[in-house]
Amino acid sequence: MKKISIIFVLVSLLSACTKDLTKLNTDPKNPGSVPSYTLFTNAQRVLTNTVVSASVNSNIFRLIEQQWTETQYLNETNYQLPSRRQPDLLWTQFYTNTLINFEKAKEFMLTDVADAGTRKNETAITDILEVYAYYYLVTTFGNIPYTQALDITKPFPVYDDQKTIYYALLTRLDADIAALDPAAGSFGSSDLVYAGDIGQWTKFANTFKLKMGILLADVDVAKSKTVVEAAVKAGVFTSNADNALYNYDTTPPNTNPIWVDLVQSQRHDFIATTEFMAALQVPATGVTSGFADPRVPYYFAPNAAGVYIGAPNGSGNGSLVYSKYSLPSGPLLTPGSIGSVTNPGFKGVLLDYSETEFNLAEAVSRGFAVSGTTQSHYNAAITASISYWTGGSAATYLALPKVNFATATGTDLQKIAAQEYLAFYNRGWDAWTTNRRLDYPALVPPENAYSAFPVRFTYPISEQNVNESNFSKAGAAIGGDKVTTRLFFDVK
């Protein structure tokens, strides 16, 4: 009888605590649903981190493009992709941590965004960033999962044709642009790039459309011309005030990932290359002042002796003393300066005005119906880059014989590519794509390179293990799963 009484008391206490025992199965730390804007903000953060990062485990394009080299661990400098499985992490960052969250955000908007106009704008902005993410995937790997990629009922998605995907992305982008309504609401402070400004997102989408159109110039001239001219007519970036910059915090955990990778991690390995310094007109012996290119002290810090100097690409592996060379850095607080790339709050760049003007210069050079001259857009592009980094004038630099469009060596496209390469400092991924497309400047692989210059990333090892059949078909369709297999836009 006593035991029965004790059981009765325990049951009574449980009943008093809750009448709905199913609530005991709810994990408060892992909610089943969240507001759509939180998914959007997090996906926007992961996307920017992926593009901006300097991690040797994923974004190694500054090393591939010889802006930086390593002093001790030369795997990435030597194009040894399998060592840290960079393709696997990039694949995960885009598909699992970015695209799925964007898709879920659009799904949840259907129920938690009451105003139809606001929901339409937020859906369009989210989709624009999905297009942006797929752009980097398809121009890095080639054929990729697309039509079945985010379908949870398709655990082994097929790989779609790269060019077909690219054209589908352009169609999506046009639909997104048409859907944007400046009279309706948007994300507001949940958007860490434009704070929900529909006018700026419209400009961003058209400017990105211009970028996507130019990529087709060597493979489909008619399509490239149509896309570029339509984007420019609709309205693209016209100044640095339009730049798509992600606002990082100055304190962890949401700081600039370059600061995390180089400063917080205390990694003392990355330095400038003599090759990139030579392109900036810095002699191999170094220089302390009087820079021909005014961006030098904004791109790098001087060595321990106060000299700006690089090391031959791939010459490290313990033979280089880190403090003897220029490090990726720059001024922390200088009037007119954007600060150091190793500043915790340094803004992440998704798209900028300088790149836009280089694309316009190329469009004019190719005979597209874009106003201005090749030289005027070339000058505007360089001016935008120098102004962005230094806050100063580009007039003296533009007058240099090696820079002046009338006297610089090479074809029109080579002149553009040479200066765009410099403006793409700290944006190695975009430098890599432009370099593959225009085949300039010619980068010589390091002496102990693991392969020839990589023009794509191989598919993740995880795909070989899990989605083997579709992986094999994709590799065969593009001409082999090799780093030397050229993608659809990269033609000689």
Protein backbone atom coordinates (compact mmCIF):
# COMPACT_ATOMS: atom_id res chain seq x y z
CA MET A 1 0.00 0.00 0.00
CA LYS A 2 2.86 2.37 0.85
CA LYS A 3 4.51 1.78 -2.57
CA ILE A 4 1.23 2.47 -4.36
CA SER A 5 0.91 5.78 -2.48
CA ILE A 6 4.42 6.84 -3.50
CA ILE A 7 3.70 6.06 -7.18
CA PHE A 8 0.44 8.02 -6.98
CA VAL A 9 2.30 11.06 -5.59
CA LEU A 10 4.92 10.92 -8.36
CA VAL A 11 2.25 10.71 -11.06
CA SER A 12 0.43 13.62 -9.46
CA LEU A 13 3.61 15.72 -9.46
CA LEU A 14 4.22 15.01 -13.15
CA SER A 15 0.63 15.90 -13.94
CA ALA A 16 1.02 19.13 -12.03
CA CYS A 17 4.12 20.09 -14.05
CA THR A 18 2.53 19.54 -17.47
CA LYS A 19 -0.69 18.24 -18.89
CA ASP A 20 0.91 17.76 -22.31
CA LEU A 21 3.59 15.10 -22.01
CA THR A 22 4.53 15.56 -25.70
CA LYS A 23 6.21 18.83 -24.74
CA LEU A 24 8.86 16.78 -22.98
CA ASN A 25 10.05 15.72 -26.46
CA THR A 26 10.77 19.31 -27.50
CA ASP A 27 14.44 20.30 -27.51
CA PRO A 28 14.56 24.05 -26.70
CA LYS A 29 18.13 24.29 -28.05
CA ASN A 30 17.19 22.83 -31.45
CA PRO A 31 13.89 24.37 -32.53
CA GLY A 32 11.87 22.75 -35.29
CA SER A 33 11.17 26.09 -36.93
CA VAL A 34 12.81 29.51 -36.89
CA PRO A 35 11.94 32.90 -38.39
CA SER A 36 12.78 33.10 -42.08
CA TYR A 37 14.93 36.20 -41.65
CA THR A 38 17.31 34.36 -39.29
CA LEU A 39 17.90 31.69 -41.93
CA PHE A 40 18.49 34.39 -44.54
CA THR A 41 20.96 36.31 -42.35
CA ASN A 42 22.93 33.20 -41.46
CA ALA A 43 23.08 32.00 -45.07
CA GLN A 44 24.20 35.47 -46.17
CA ARG A 45 26.95 35.32 -43.54
CA VAL A 46 28.14 31.83 -44.54
CA LEU A 47 28.08 32.74 -48.23
CA THR A 48 30.21 35.84 -47.66
CA ASN A 49 32.59 33.98 -45.37
CA THR A 50 33.06 31.31 -48.03
CA VAL A 51 33.91 33.85 -50.73
CA VAL A 52 36.03 36.09 -48.46
CA SER A 53 37.88 33.53 -46.32
CA ALA A 54 41.62 32.94 -46.50
CA SER A 55 41.40 29.46 -44.98
CA VAL A 56 43.79 26.87 -46.38
CA ASN A 57 40.95 24.39 -45.96
CA SER A 58 38.72 26.08 -48.52
CA ASN A 59 39.50 29.44 -50.16
CA ILE A 60 43.07 29.09 -51.45
CA PHE A 61 42.65 31.26 -54.54
CA ARG A 62 44.98 34.05 -53.32
CA LEU A 63 47.69 31.39 -53.33
CA ILE A 64 46.71 29.94 -56.72
CA GLU A 65 46.73 33.46 -58.16
CA GLN A 66 50.13 34.15 -56.54
CA GLN A 67 48.99 37.21 -54.61
CA TRP A 68 50.33 35.41 -51.54
CA THR A 69 52.65 32.48 -50.95
CA GLU A 70 53.36 30.32 -47.92
CA THR A 71 56.58 30.17 -45.93
CA GLN A 72 56.21 26.76 -44.28
CA TYR A 73 53.31 24.63 -45.48
CA LEU A 74 53.37 24.75 -49.27
CA ASN A 75 50.62 22.30 -50.17
CA GLU A 76 48.21 25.00 -51.33
CA THR A 77 50.86 27.11 -53.03
CA ASN A 78 51.85 23.98 -54.94
CA TYR A 79 48.24 23.22 -56.01
CA GLN A 80 47.98 20.09 -53.85
CA LEU A 81 44.19 20.14 -53.48
CA PRO A 82 43.66 16.61 -52.06
CA SER A 83 45.81 17.27 -48.97
CA ARG A 84 43.18 19.30 -47.10
CA ARG A 85 40.15 18.38 -49.24
CA GLN A 86 39.23 21.98 -50.09
CA PRO A 87 36.62 20.86 -52.67
CA ASP A 88 34.74 18.97 -49.96
CA LEU A 89 34.51 21.95 -47.62
CA LEU A 90 33.50 24.38 -50.38
CA TRP A 91 30.82 21.93 -51.54
CA THR A 92 29.46 21.69 -47.99
CA GLN A 93 29.61 25.44 -47.38
CA PHE A 94 27.62 26.18 -50.53
CA TYR A 95 25.10 23.35 -50.56
CA THR A 96 24.54 22.45 -46.91
CA ASN A 97 25.25 25.71 -45.11
CA THR A 98 24.13 28.28 -47.68
CA LEU A 99 21.73 27.11 -50.39
CA ILE A 100 19.58 24.89 -48.16
CA ASN A 101 19.19 27.71 -45.66
CA PHE A 102 18.21 30.15 -48.41
CA GLU A 103 15.64 27.63 -49.67
CA LYS A 104 14.26 27.12 -46.17
CA ALA A 105 14.07 30.89 -45.69
CA LYS A 106 11.92 31.18 -48.82
CA GLU A 107 9.71 28.35 -47.58
CA PHE A 108 9.19 29.91 -44.13
CA MET A 109 8.45 33.32 -45.67
CA LEU A 110 5.18 31.86 -46.92
CA THR A 111 3.88 31.70 -43.36
CA ASP A 112 5.82 34.26 -41.32
CA VAL A 113 5.90 37.25 -43.71
CA ALA A 114 2.31 38.51 -43.80
CA ASP A 115 2.69 41.37 -46.27
CA ALA A 116 2.68 40.07 -49.85
CA GLY A 117 4.89 42.85 -51.21
CA THR A 118 7.52 42.36 -48.53
CA ARG A 119 7.46 38.60 -49.01
CA LYS A 120 7.94 39.02 -52.76
CA ASN A 121 10.95 41.29 -52.28
CA GLU A 122 12.55 39.06 -49.65
CA THR A 123 12.03 36.00 -51.83
CA ALA A 124 13.65 37.75 -54.81
CA ILE A 125 16.67 38.94 -52.80
CA THR A 126 17.14 35.45 -51.38
CA ASP A 127 17.00 33.93 -54.84
CA ILE A 128 19.50 36.49 -56.19
CA LEU A 129 21.96 35.28 -53.58
CA GLU A 130 21.21 31.67 -54.54
CA VAL A 131 22.12 32.54 -58.12
CA TYR A 132 25.29 34.16 -56.79
CA ALA A 133 26.19 30.98 -54.87
CA TYR A 134 25.52 28.70 -57.85
CA TYR A 135 27.67 30.97 -60.03
CA TYR A 136 30.71 30.17 -57.88
CA LEU A 137 29.88 26.47 -57.77
CA VAL A 138 29.45 26.03 -61.51
CA THR A 139 32.49 28.15 -62.45
CA THR A 140 34.62 26.19 -59.98
CA PHE A 141 33.54 22.59 -60.60
CA GLY A 142 31.67 22.48 -63.94
CA ASN A 143 28.73 20.06 -64.02
CA ILE A 144 27.10 20.07 -60.57
CA PRO A 145 23.83 18.99 -58.93
CA TYR A 146 21.25 21.67 -59.68
CA THR A 147 17.71 20.54 -60.52
CA GLN A 148 17.79 17.87 -57.79
CA ALA A 149 20.36 19.50 -55.51
CA LEU A 150 18.08 20.76 -52.74
CA ASP A 151 15.41 18.08 -52.98
CA ILE A 152 15.53 15.97 -49.78
CA THR A 153 13.77 13.15 -51.62
CA LYS A 154 16.79 12.93 -53.96
CA PRO A 155 19.71 11.88 -51.71
CA PHE A 156 21.82 11.05 -54.78
CA PRO A 157 21.22 14.02 -57.10
CA VAL A 158 22.16 13.96 -60.76
CA TYR A 159 24.72 16.44 -62.08
CA ASP A 160 23.34 18.90 -64.63
CA ASP A 161 25.22 20.28 -67.62
CA GLN A 162 27.25 23.34 -66.60
CA LYS A 163 26.27 25.57 -69.51
CA THR A 164 22.60 24.66 -69.15
CA ILE A 165 22.77 25.58 -65.46
CA TYR A 166 24.42 28.89 -66.26
CA TYR A 167 21.70 29.90 -68.72
CA ALA A 168 19.03 28.82 -66.21
CA LEU A 169 20.67 31.07 -63.60
CA LEU A 170 20.43 34.02 -65.97
CA THR A 171 16.71 33.31 -66.43
CA ARG A 172 16.23 33.17 -62.65
CA LEU A 173 18.10 36.44 -62.23
CA ASP A 174 15.85 38.18 -64.74
CA ALA A 175 12.76 36.93 -62.89
CA ASP A 176 14.18 38.15 -59.58
CA ILE A 177 14.93 41.60 -60.98
CA ALA A 178 11.40 41.86 -62.35
CA ALA A 179 9.96 40.85 -58.96
CA LEU A 180 11.73 43.56 -56.95
CA ASP A 181 9.42 46.42 -55.93
CA PRO A 182 10.95 49.54 -54.33
CA ALA A 183 7.52 50.54 -53.01
CA ALA A 184 7.27 47.42 -50.83
CA GLY A 185 9.10 46.38 -47.67
CA SER A 186 12.08 44.10 -47.22
CA PHE A 187 14.53 42.60 -44.70
CA GLY A 188 15.76 45.80 -43.08
CA SER A 189 18.54 45.23 -40.55
CA SER A 190 18.46 41.45 -41.13
CA ASP A 191 20.20 42.15 -44.46
CA LEU A 192 23.85 42.82 -43.58
CA VAL A 193 24.76 44.08 -47.05
CA TYR A 194 22.17 46.66 -48.12
CA ALA A 195 19.81 46.71 -45.11
CA GLY A 196 16.97 45.68 -47.40
CA ASP A 197 17.39 48.59 -49.84
CA ILE A 198 15.49 47.40 -52.93
CA GLY A 199 17.09 49.99 -55.20
CA GLN A 200 20.55 48.72 -54.27
CA TRP A 201 19.57 45.08 -54.67
CA THR A 202 18.21 45.89 -58.14
CA LYS A 203 21.54 47.49 -59.05
CA PHE A 204 23.39 44.53 -57.55
CA ALA A 205 21.37 42.05 -59.61
CA ASN A 206 21.91 43.98 -62.85
CA THR A 207 25.61 44.38 -62.10
CA PHE A 208 25.95 40.68 -61.38
CA LYS A 209 24.08 40.02 -64.62
CA LEU A 210 26.71 42.10 -66.42
CA LYS A 211 29.40 39.98 -64.78
CA MET A 212 27.66 36.76 -65.80
CA GLY A 213 27.20 38.04 -69.35
CA ILE A 214 30.87 38.93 -69.79
CA LEU A 215 31.85 35.42 -68.72
CA LEU A 216 30.14 34.11 -71.88
CA ALA A 217 32.00 36.42 -74.26
CA ASP A 218 34.37 33.76 -75.67
CA VAL A 219 31.88 30.91 -75.81
CA ASP A 220 28.61 32.55 -76.93
CA VAL A 221 29.13 36.06 -78.28
CA ALA A 222 25.49 36.67 -79.19
CA LYS A 223 24.19 35.66 -75.76
CA SER A 224 26.94 37.60 -74.01
CA LYS A 225 26.12 40.74 -75.98
CA THR A 226 22.39 40.46 -75.27
CA VAL A 227 22.86 39.90 -71.54
CA VAL A 228 25.48 42.63 -71.10
CA GLU A 229 23.57 45.28 -73.02
CA ALA A 230 20.32 44.51 -71.16
CA ALA A 231 22.06 44.70 -67.78
CA VAL A 232 23.72 48.02 -68.55
CA LYS A 233 20.51 49.52 -69.91
CA ALA A 234 18.68 48.52 -66.71
CA GLY A 235 21.30 50.17 -64.51
CA VAL A 236 24.53 48.89 -62.95
CA PHE A 237 26.90 50.21 -60.26
CA THR A 238 28.02 53.80 -60.90
CA SER A 239 30.33 54.45 -57.92
CA ASN A 240 31.98 52.84 -54.90
CA ALA A 241 28.90 53.84 -52.91
CA ASP A 242 27.13 50.94 -54.66
CA ASN A 243 29.66 48.30 -53.57
CA ALA A 244 28.09 45.19 -52.04
CA LEU A 245 29.94 45.01 -48.72
CA TYR A 246 29.12 42.66 -45.88
CA ASN A 247 29.38 44.33 -42.49
CA TYR A 248 31.41 42.26 -40.03
CA ASP A 249 31.60 42.92 -36.31
CA THR A 250 34.80 44.11 -34.64
CA THR A 251 34.57 41.43 -31.94
CA PRO A 252 34.05 37.65 -32.26
CA PRO A 253 32.24 35.56 -33.28
CA ASN A 254 31.08 37.44 -36.42
CA THR A 255 34.38 39.00 -37.45
CA ASN A 256 36.09 39.18 -40.82
CA PRO A 257 37.25 35.58 -41.54
CA ILE A 258 40.62 36.80 -42.81
CA TRP A 259 41.30 38.18 -39.34
CA VAL A 260 40.21 34.83 -37.93
CA ASP A 261 42.43 32.89 -40.36
CA LEU A 262 45.55 35.04 -40.01
CA VAL A 263 45.41 36.86 -36.67
CA GLN A 264 43.16 35.03 -34.25
CA SER A 265 44.58 31.68 -35.38
CA GLN A 266 48.12 33.10 -35.05
CA ARG A 267 49.05 31.59 -38.40
CA HIS A 268 52.40 33.07 -39.46
CA ASP A 269 52.69 31.71 -42.95
CA PHE A 270 51.29 34.02 -45.65
CA ILE A 271 53.48 36.65 -47.34
CA ALA A 272 53.50 38.63 -50.59
CA THR A 273 55.04 37.07 -53.70
CA THR A 274 57.74 38.78 -55.73
CA GLU A 275 55.56 38.05 -58.76
CA PHE A 276 52.60 40.03 -57.44
CA MET A 277 54.88 42.76 -56.10
CA ALA A 278 56.48 43.02 -59.56
CA ALA A 279 53.02 43.52 -61.05
CA LEU A 280 52.59 46.32 -58.50
CA GLN A 281 55.92 47.70 -59.78
CA VAL A 282 57.82 46.90 -56.58
CA PRO A 283 61.39 45.74 -57.37
CA ALA A 284 62.58 42.34 -56.18
CA THR A 285 64.96 44.07 -53.76
CA GLY A 286 62.07 45.84 -52.09
CA VAL A 287 61.23 49.48 -51.45
CA THR A 288 60.36 51.60 -48.43
CA SER A 289 58.44 54.41 -50.12
CA GLY A 290 57.77 56.16 -53.44
CA PHE A 291 55.38 53.48 -54.68
CA ALA A 292 54.43 53.57 -58.35
CA ASP A 293 51.21 51.81 -57.36
CA PRO A 294 49.70 53.69 -54.40
CA ARG A 295 47.84 50.55 -53.22
CA VAL A 296 51.02 48.75 -52.12
CA PRO A 297 50.99 49.96 -48.47
CA TYR A 298 47.25 49.25 -48.32
CA TYR A 299 47.63 45.71 -49.60
CA PHE A 300 50.65 44.76 -47.50
CA ALA A 301 52.60 45.74 -44.39
CA PRO A 302 56.37 46.35 -44.49
CA ASN A 303 58.71 43.73 -43.10
CA ALA A 304 60.53 44.10 -39.78
CA ALA A 305 63.06 46.41 -41.46
CA GLY A 306 60.39 48.70 -42.93
CA VAL A 307 60.75 47.34 -46.48
CA TYR A 308 57.95 46.20 -48.78
CA ILE A 309 59.22 43.01 -50.36
CA GLY A 310 57.89 39.68 -51.59
CA ALA A 311 59.33 36.17 -51.84
CA PRO A 312 59.47 33.99 -54.96
CA ASN A 313 56.28 31.95 -55.19
CA GLY A 314 56.71 28.48 -53.69
CA SER A 315 60.20 29.10 -52.31
CA GLY A 316 59.29 28.53 -48.66
CA ASN A 317 59.03 25.25 -46.75
CA GLY A 318 61.04 26.54 -43.82
CA SER A 319 63.67 28.33 -45.89
CA LEU A 320 61.95 31.70 -45.58
CA VAL A 321 61.91 33.83 -42.45
CA TYR A 322 58.39 35.18 -42.06
CA SER A 323 59.45 38.58 -40.66
CA LYS A 324 61.69 39.34 -43.65
CA TYR A 325 58.78 39.74 -46.04
CA SER A 326 55.64 41.80 -46.45
CA LEU A 327 52.53 40.39 -44.83
CA PRO A 328 48.92 40.76 -45.96
CA SER A 329 47.82 43.80 -43.99
CA GLY A 330 47.76 47.55 -44.37
CA PRO A 331 46.92 50.63 -42.28
CA LEU A 332 44.46 50.19 -39.43
CA LEU A 333 43.25 53.78 -39.27
CA THR A 334 44.22 56.23 -41.98
CA PRO A 335 42.03 59.06 -43.31
CA GLY A 336 40.32 57.87 -46.46
CA SER A 337 41.43 54.28 -45.95
CA ILE A 338 39.19 51.25 -45.59
CA GLY A 339 41.64 49.79 -43.09
CA SER A 340 43.55 46.52 -43.01
CA VAL A 341 42.41 43.21 -44.48
CA THR A 342 43.46 41.76 -41.13
CA ASN A 343 41.19 44.12 -39.21
CA PRO A 344 38.42 42.15 -37.43
CA GLY A 345 35.75 44.46 -38.84
CA PHE A 346 37.12 44.66 -42.40
CA LYS A 347 34.15 44.48 -44.78
CA GLY A 348 33.67 41.48 -47.04
CA VAL A 349 33.28 42.27 -50.76
CA LEU A 350 30.62 40.46 -52.80
CA LEU A 351 30.69 42.76 -55.85
CA ASP A 352 32.18 46.18 -56.50
CA TYR A 353 32.27 49.16 -58.85
CA SER A 354 35.87 48.67 -60.00
CA GLU A 355 35.05 45.20 -61.36
CA THR A 356 31.96 46.67 -63.03
CA GLU A 357 34.01 49.24 -64.93
CA PHE A 358 36.52 46.60 -66.04
CA ASN A 359 33.61 44.56 -67.39
CA LEU A 360 32.31 47.63 -69.22
CA ALA A 361 35.76 48.29 -70.67
CA GLU A 362 35.82 44.74 -71.98
CA ALA A 363 32.29 45.06 -73.36
CA VAL A 364 33.21 48.15 -75.39
CA SER A 365 36.40 46.48 -76.61
CA ARG A 366 34.34 43.53 -77.84
CA GLY A 367 31.99 45.81 -79.78
CA PHE A 368 28.97 45.64 -77.50
CA ALA A 369 26.57 48.59 -77.48
CA VAL A 370 27.75 50.12 -74.22
CA SER A 371 28.40 53.84 -73.91
CA GLY A 372 31.89 55.21 -73.31
CA THR A 373 35.23 54.03 -74.61
CA THR A 374 37.42 51.13 -73.58
CA GLN A 375 39.94 53.60 -72.16
CA SER A 376 37.37 55.66 -70.24
CA HIS A 377 36.02 52.56 -68.50
CA TYR A 378 39.55 51.23 -67.94
CA ASN A 379 40.51 54.51 -66.27
CA ALA A 380 37.31 54.54 -64.21
CA ALA A 381 37.98 50.98 -63.02
CA ILE A 382 41.50 51.74 -61.85
CA THR A 383 40.38 55.01 -60.28
CA ALA A 384 37.62 53.20 -58.38
CA SER A 385 40.05 50.63 -57.01
CA ILE A 386 42.64 53.17 -55.90
CA SER A 387 40.00 55.43 -54.41
CA TYR A 388 38.44 52.51 -52.54
CA TRP A 389 41.71 51.36 -51.01
CA THR A 390 43.53 54.65 -50.45
CA GLY A 391 40.96 57.43 -50.60
CA GLY A 392 43.33 59.23 -52.97
CA SER A 393 43.66 60.11 -56.63
CA ALA A 394 44.69 57.73 -59.42
CA ALA A 395 45.88 60.45 -61.83
CA THR A 396 49.62 59.95 -61.31
CA TYR A 397 49.33 56.18 -61.59
CA LEU A 398 47.23 56.38 -64.76
CA ALA A 399 49.89 58.56 -66.37
CA LEU A 400 52.60 55.89 -65.98
CA PRO A 401 53.65 54.44 -69.36
CA LYS A 402 53.08 50.88 -68.09
CA VAL A 403 49.56 51.79 -67.01
CA ASN A 404 48.32 54.40 -69.48
CA PHE A 405 45.98 52.60 -71.84
CA ALA A 406 47.58 54.24 -74.90
CA THR A 407 51.12 53.13 -74.02
CA ALA A 408 50.71 49.94 -71.96
CA THR A 409 51.81 46.76 -73.72
CA GLY A 410 49.48 44.03 -74.92
CA THR A 411 46.07 43.78 -76.53
CA ASP A 412 43.06 45.65 -75.15
CA LEU A 413 41.94 42.59 -73.22
CA GLN A 414 45.43 41.96 -71.86
CA LYS A 415 45.68 45.54 -70.61
CA ILE A 416 42.32 45.17 -68.91
CA ALA A 417 43.22 41.78 -67.43
CA ALA A 418 46.57 43.03 -66.09
CA GLN A 419 44.97 45.87 -64.15
CA GLU A 420 41.94 43.87 -63.07
CA TYR A 421 44.32 41.31 -61.59
CA LEU A 422 45.76 44.03 -59.35
CA ALA A 423 42.35 45.41 -58.42
CA PHE A 424 41.26 41.88 -57.46
CA TYR A 425 43.76 41.80 -54.61
CA ASN A 426 42.11 40.01 -51.69
CA ARG A 427 39.51 38.63 -54.11
CA GLY A 428 41.53 35.70 -55.35
CA TRP A 429 38.51 33.68 -56.45
CA ASP A 430 37.39 36.34 -58.92
CA ALA A 431 40.99 36.90 -60.02
CA TRP A 432 41.20 33.16 -60.78
CA THR A 433 38.04 33.18 -62.89
CA THR A 434 39.13 36.24 -64.89
CA ASN A 435 42.59 34.76 -65.33
CA ARG A 436 41.16 31.49 -66.67
CA ARG A 437 38.83 33.34 -68.99
CA LEU A 438 41.29 35.85 -70.45
CA ASP A 439 44.45 33.74 -70.01
CA TYR A 440 46.31 36.76 -68.66
CA PRO A 441 48.54 37.49 -66.86
CA ALA A 442 50.39 34.26 -67.52
CA LEU A 443 51.18 32.72 -64.14
CA VAL A 444 54.09 30.28 -63.98
CA PRO A 445 53.43 27.32 -61.65
CA PRO A 446 55.82 27.04 -58.70
CA GLU A 447 58.86 24.82 -59.16
CA ASN A 448 57.43 21.94 -57.12
CA ALA A 449 53.84 22.22 -58.32
CA TYR A 450 51.68 19.16 -57.70
CA SER A 451 49.98 19.73 -61.05
CA ALA A 452 49.76 22.18 -63.93
CA PHE A 453 47.93 25.43 -63.20
CA PRO A 454 44.46 24.37 -61.94
CA VAL A 455 41.60 25.64 -64.11
CA ARG A 456 38.92 23.90 -62.01
CA PHE A 457 38.52 22.09 -58.71
CA THR A 458 38.07 18.34 -58.72
CA TYR A 459 34.85 16.95 -57.26
CA PRO A 460 34.72 16.28 -53.51
CA ILE A 461 35.92 12.92 -52.26
CA SER A 462 32.62 12.65 -50.40
CA GLU A 463 30.78 12.65 -53.75
CA GLN A 464 33.00 9.86 -55.02
CA ASN A 465 32.09 7.80 -51.96
CA VAL A 466 28.39 8.62 -51.61
CA ASN A 467 27.10 9.61 -55.06
CA GLU A 468 29.49 7.50 -57.10
CA SER A 469 27.36 6.82 -60.17
CA ASN A 470 26.41 10.44 -60.80
CA PHE A 471 29.91 11.61 -59.90
CA SER A 472 31.42 9.28 -62.51
CA LYS A 473 28.99 10.43 -65.19
CA ALA A 474 29.75 14.08 -64.41
CA GLY A 475 33.50 13.56 -64.66
CA ALA A 476 33.14 11.81 -68.02
CA ALA A 477 30.77 14.49 -69.34
CA ILE A 478 33.23 17.35 -68.78
CA GLY A 479 36.26 15.50 -70.10
CA GLY A 480 37.67 14.10 -66.88
CA ASP A 481 37.60 15.02 -63.21
CA LYS A 482 40.97 16.75 -63.35
CA VAL A 483 42.23 20.20 -62.36
CA THR A 484 43.35 20.73 -65.96
CA THR A 485 39.89 20.17 -67.50
CA ARG A 486 38.68 23.49 -68.91
CA LEU A 487 35.13 24.52 -68.09
CA PHE A 488 32.55 25.68 -70.64
CA PHE A 489 33.52 29.37 -70.54
CA ASP A 490 37.28 28.79 -70.56
CA VAL A 491 38.23 28.41 -74.21
CA LYS A 492 41.48 29.18 -75.95
